[in-house]
Protein backbone atom coordinates (compact mmCIF):
# COMPACT_ATOMS: atom_id res chain seq x y z
CA MET A 1 74.04 -62.25 228.94
CA SER A 2 73.23 -61.25 225.39
CA GLU A 3 69.76 -60.93 223.94
CA ARG A 4 67.39 -63.88 224.28
CA ILE A 5 64.91 -65.27 221.78
CA ILE A 6 62.20 -67.68 222.92
CA ASP A 7 60.30 -70.41 221.12
CA ALA A 8 56.71 -71.47 221.68
CA CYS A 9 57.40 -74.35 224.07
CA CYS A 10 59.31 -72.18 226.57
CA LEU A 11 56.86 -69.32 226.17
CA ILE A 12 53.94 -71.65 226.90
CA ASN A 13 55.76 -72.94 229.99
CA LEU A 14 56.20 -69.40 231.30
CA TYR A 15 52.54 -68.57 230.69
CA ALA A 16 51.50 -71.82 232.37
CA SER A 17 53.31 -70.68 235.52
CA GLY A 18 50.85 -67.84 236.09
CA THR A 19 53.81 -65.55 236.86
CA GLU A 20 54.96 -65.00 233.30
CA ASP A 21 55.50 -61.24 233.59
CA SER A 22 57.69 -61.63 236.67
CA ILE A 23 59.74 -64.42 235.10
CA ILE A 24 60.14 -62.63 231.76
CA SER A 25 61.15 -59.44 233.57
CA ALA A 26 63.67 -61.31 235.76
CA CYS A 27 65.19 -62.81 232.59
CA GLY A 28 65.57 -59.39 230.98
CA GLY A 29 62.81 -59.85 228.43
CA PHE A 30 62.65 -61.89 225.25
CA TRP A 31 62.45 -61.51 221.52
CA VAL A 32 59.65 -63.48 219.87
CA PRO A 33 59.86 -64.13 216.14
CA THR A 34 56.88 -63.76 213.85
CA GLN A 35 56.69 -67.53 213.34
CA VAL A 36 56.27 -68.10 217.09
CA GLN A 37 53.62 -65.37 217.31
CA ASN A 38 51.73 -67.08 214.50
CA GLU A 39 51.80 -70.53 216.08
CA ALA A 40 48.75 -71.58 218.04
CA LEU A 41 49.82 -70.45 221.50
CA LEU A 42 47.52 -72.17 223.94
CA VAL A 43 47.82 -72.98 227.61
CA ARG A 44 45.71 -75.12 229.89
CA ARG A 45 43.94 -73.62 232.90
CA PHE A 46 41.37 -74.77 235.40
CA ASP A 47 37.83 -74.25 234.10
CA GLU A 48 36.27 -71.32 235.96
CA ASP A 49 32.90 -73.10 236.04
CA ASP A 50 34.29 -76.50 237.03
CA PRO A 51 37.72 -76.35 238.72
CA THR A 52 38.11 -80.12 238.40
CA ARG A 53 38.42 -79.73 234.60
CA LEU A 54 41.23 -78.31 232.52
CA VAL A 55 40.37 -76.12 229.54
CA THR A 56 42.51 -74.53 226.86
CA ARG A 57 42.96 -70.77 226.78
CA ASP A 58 44.67 -68.55 224.21
CA ILE A 59 47.92 -66.86 225.14
CA HIS A 60 47.76 -63.17 224.30
CA LEU A 61 51.16 -61.51 223.96
CA ASN A 62 49.78 -57.99 223.43
CA ASP A 63 50.20 -56.83 227.03
CA ALA A 64 53.75 -58.17 227.29
CA ILE A 65 54.63 -56.56 223.95
CA ALA A 66 53.05 -53.24 224.97
CA SER A 67 54.99 -53.25 228.25
CA GLY A 68 58.28 -54.07 226.50
CA LEU A 69 58.77 -57.43 228.22
CA ILE A 70 58.52 -59.06 224.81
CA GLN A 71 59.84 -57.58 221.61
CA THR A 72 58.91 -58.93 218.22
CA CYS A 73 61.37 -59.75 215.46
CA GLN A 74 61.51 -61.42 212.11
CA LEU A 75 64.02 -63.07 209.86
CA GLU A 76 66.32 -60.54 208.22
CA GLY A 77 68.77 -61.07 205.41
CA GLN A 78 69.74 -64.03 203.31
CA ASP A 79 71.85 -65.73 206.01
CA GLU A 80 68.93 -65.90 208.44
CA THR A 81 66.54 -67.02 205.72
CA ASP A 82 68.92 -69.74 204.55
CA ALA A 83 69.46 -70.97 208.13
CA PHE A 84 65.70 -70.93 208.72
CA VAL A 85 65.07 -73.06 205.63
CA ARG A 86 67.81 -75.49 206.67
CA PHE A 87 66.50 -75.77 210.26
CA ALA A 88 62.86 -75.97 209.12
CA MET A 89 63.66 -79.23 207.37
CA GLU A 90 63.82 -80.81 210.84
CA LEU A 91 61.94 -78.40 213.13
CA ASP A 92 58.69 -76.47 213.33
CA ASP A 93 58.85 -72.95 211.94
CA GLY A 94 58.93 -71.37 215.41
CA GLU A 95 61.96 -73.31 216.57
CA ALA A 96 63.64 -72.94 213.18
CA SER A 97 63.23 -69.15 213.20
CA CYS A 98 64.48 -68.90 216.79
CA LEU A 99 67.61 -70.84 215.99
CA ALA A 100 68.26 -69.01 212.71
CA ILE A 101 67.98 -65.60 214.37
CA ALA A 102 69.97 -66.65 217.45
CA MET A 103 72.77 -68.07 215.32
CA SER A 104 72.94 -65.03 213.06
CA ARG A 105 72.77 -62.42 215.84
CA GLY A 106 74.72 -64.23 218.55
CA TRP A 107 71.71 -64.47 220.87
CA PHE A 108 70.70 -67.11 223.38
CA ALA A 109 67.83 -69.36 222.27
CA ALA A 110 65.30 -70.45 224.90
CA THR A 111 63.91 -73.85 223.97
CA ASP A 112 63.14 -77.14 225.65
CA ASP A 113 62.59 -79.01 222.39
CA ARG A 114 65.05 -81.92 222.31
CA LYS A 115 65.68 -81.79 218.55
CA ALA A 116 66.03 -77.99 218.56
CA ARG A 117 68.54 -78.21 221.41
CA ARG A 118 70.58 -80.80 219.51
CA ILE A 119 70.60 -78.71 216.33
CA ALA A 120 71.47 -75.58 218.31
CA SER A 121 74.41 -77.34 219.95
CA GLU A 122 75.63 -78.60 216.57
CA ASN A 123 75.56 -75.01 215.28
CA GLY A 124 77.17 -73.30 218.28
CA ILE A 125 73.98 -71.58 219.44
CA ALA A 126 73.89 -70.73 223.14
CA LEU A 127 70.90 -72.32 224.88
CA ILE A 128 68.75 -71.79 227.90
CA GLY A 129 65.66 -73.75 228.95
CA THR A 130 62.71 -73.46 231.27
CA PRO A 131 64.54 -74.72 234.38
CA GLU A 132 67.27 -72.09 233.93
CA LEU A 133 64.67 -69.39 233.30
CA ILE A 134 62.94 -70.31 236.55
CA GLN A 135 66.31 -70.23 238.33
CA ARG A 136 66.93 -66.69 237.03
CA TRP A 137 63.51 -65.67 238.35
CA ILE A 138 64.34 -67.18 241.75
CA ASP A 139 67.70 -65.40 241.86
CA ALA A 140 66.09 -62.07 240.95
CA THR A 141 62.97 -62.19 243.11
CA SER A 142 63.70 -64.57 246.01
CA PRO A 143 60.25 -66.18 246.13
CA SER A 144 59.40 -68.62 248.91
CA GLU A 145 60.03 -72.31 248.32
CA ALA A 146 56.25 -72.82 248.35
CA ALA A 147 55.81 -70.20 245.60
CA VAL A 148 58.52 -71.86 243.50
CA ALA A 149 56.93 -75.28 243.99
CA ASP A 150 53.57 -73.83 242.95
CA VAL A 151 55.07 -72.36 239.75
CA LEU A 152 56.78 -75.65 238.86
CA LYS A 153 53.62 -77.66 239.52
CA LYS A 154 51.58 -75.29 237.32
CA ILE A 155 54.11 -75.68 234.51
CA GLU A 156 53.85 -79.46 234.82
CA LEU A 157 50.06 -79.48 234.96
CA PHE A 158 49.18 -76.74 232.48
CA ALA A 159 52.06 -77.06 229.99
CA LYS A 160 52.87 -80.76 230.47
CA PHE A 161 56.56 -79.94 230.93
CA ARG A 162 59.06 -81.56 233.25
CA PRO A 163 62.80 -81.48 232.60
CA ARG A 164 64.40 -84.67 231.32
CA ARG A 165 66.31 -86.81 233.80
CA SER A 166 69.56 -85.75 232.10
CA ASP A 167 68.88 -82.07 232.85
CA PRO A 168 71.20 -80.78 235.61
CA LEU A 169 68.19 -79.19 237.36
CA TYR A 170 65.99 -82.29 237.19
CA GLY A 171 66.60 -83.34 240.81
CA TRP A 172 65.90 -79.85 242.11
CA TRP A 173 62.69 -79.61 240.05
CA VAL A 174 61.38 -83.02 241.08
CA GLY A 175 62.32 -82.40 244.70
CA LEU A 176 60.04 -79.37 244.76
CA THR A 177 57.15 -80.78 242.75
CA GLU A 178 56.86 -84.13 244.49
CA THR A 179 56.58 -82.74 248.01
CA ASP A 180 53.36 -81.55 249.55
């Protein structure tokens, strides 16, 4: 697999899992564009003082960048800038920069955003989403079914993400999250 660039929605999902370093490592790391770094990256967590409440916490990428799990990038050249401007007419800057860079450099784009996925497909950009990223982590680390279910449930609760019914991994995901 070629290089991978990740947008904010997928990055938030990975951080919601509580096992972000393991998942990012299993996926071979990610590039994160400046626009994604500048977006308000927040994730929900249980309140330490009242575990019945959810609170919002900042996502800090510094440790993942320092360890090399995440590399930073920015738009380069006129082609990437032009593609960014074109994509930004329909998408947030983070998704637009991911797609522009992925298209220009032949990288995979990690996004779960429906509109971004449609635009990527229309422009021949290879895609991957949260369910596939979790599958790569499973293949690389062989966690227990209970650990996988816990990760998926955290992503649903803390990031408010569940794959669409049309996603090929929807049945697998739901099968693990709806059992206790």
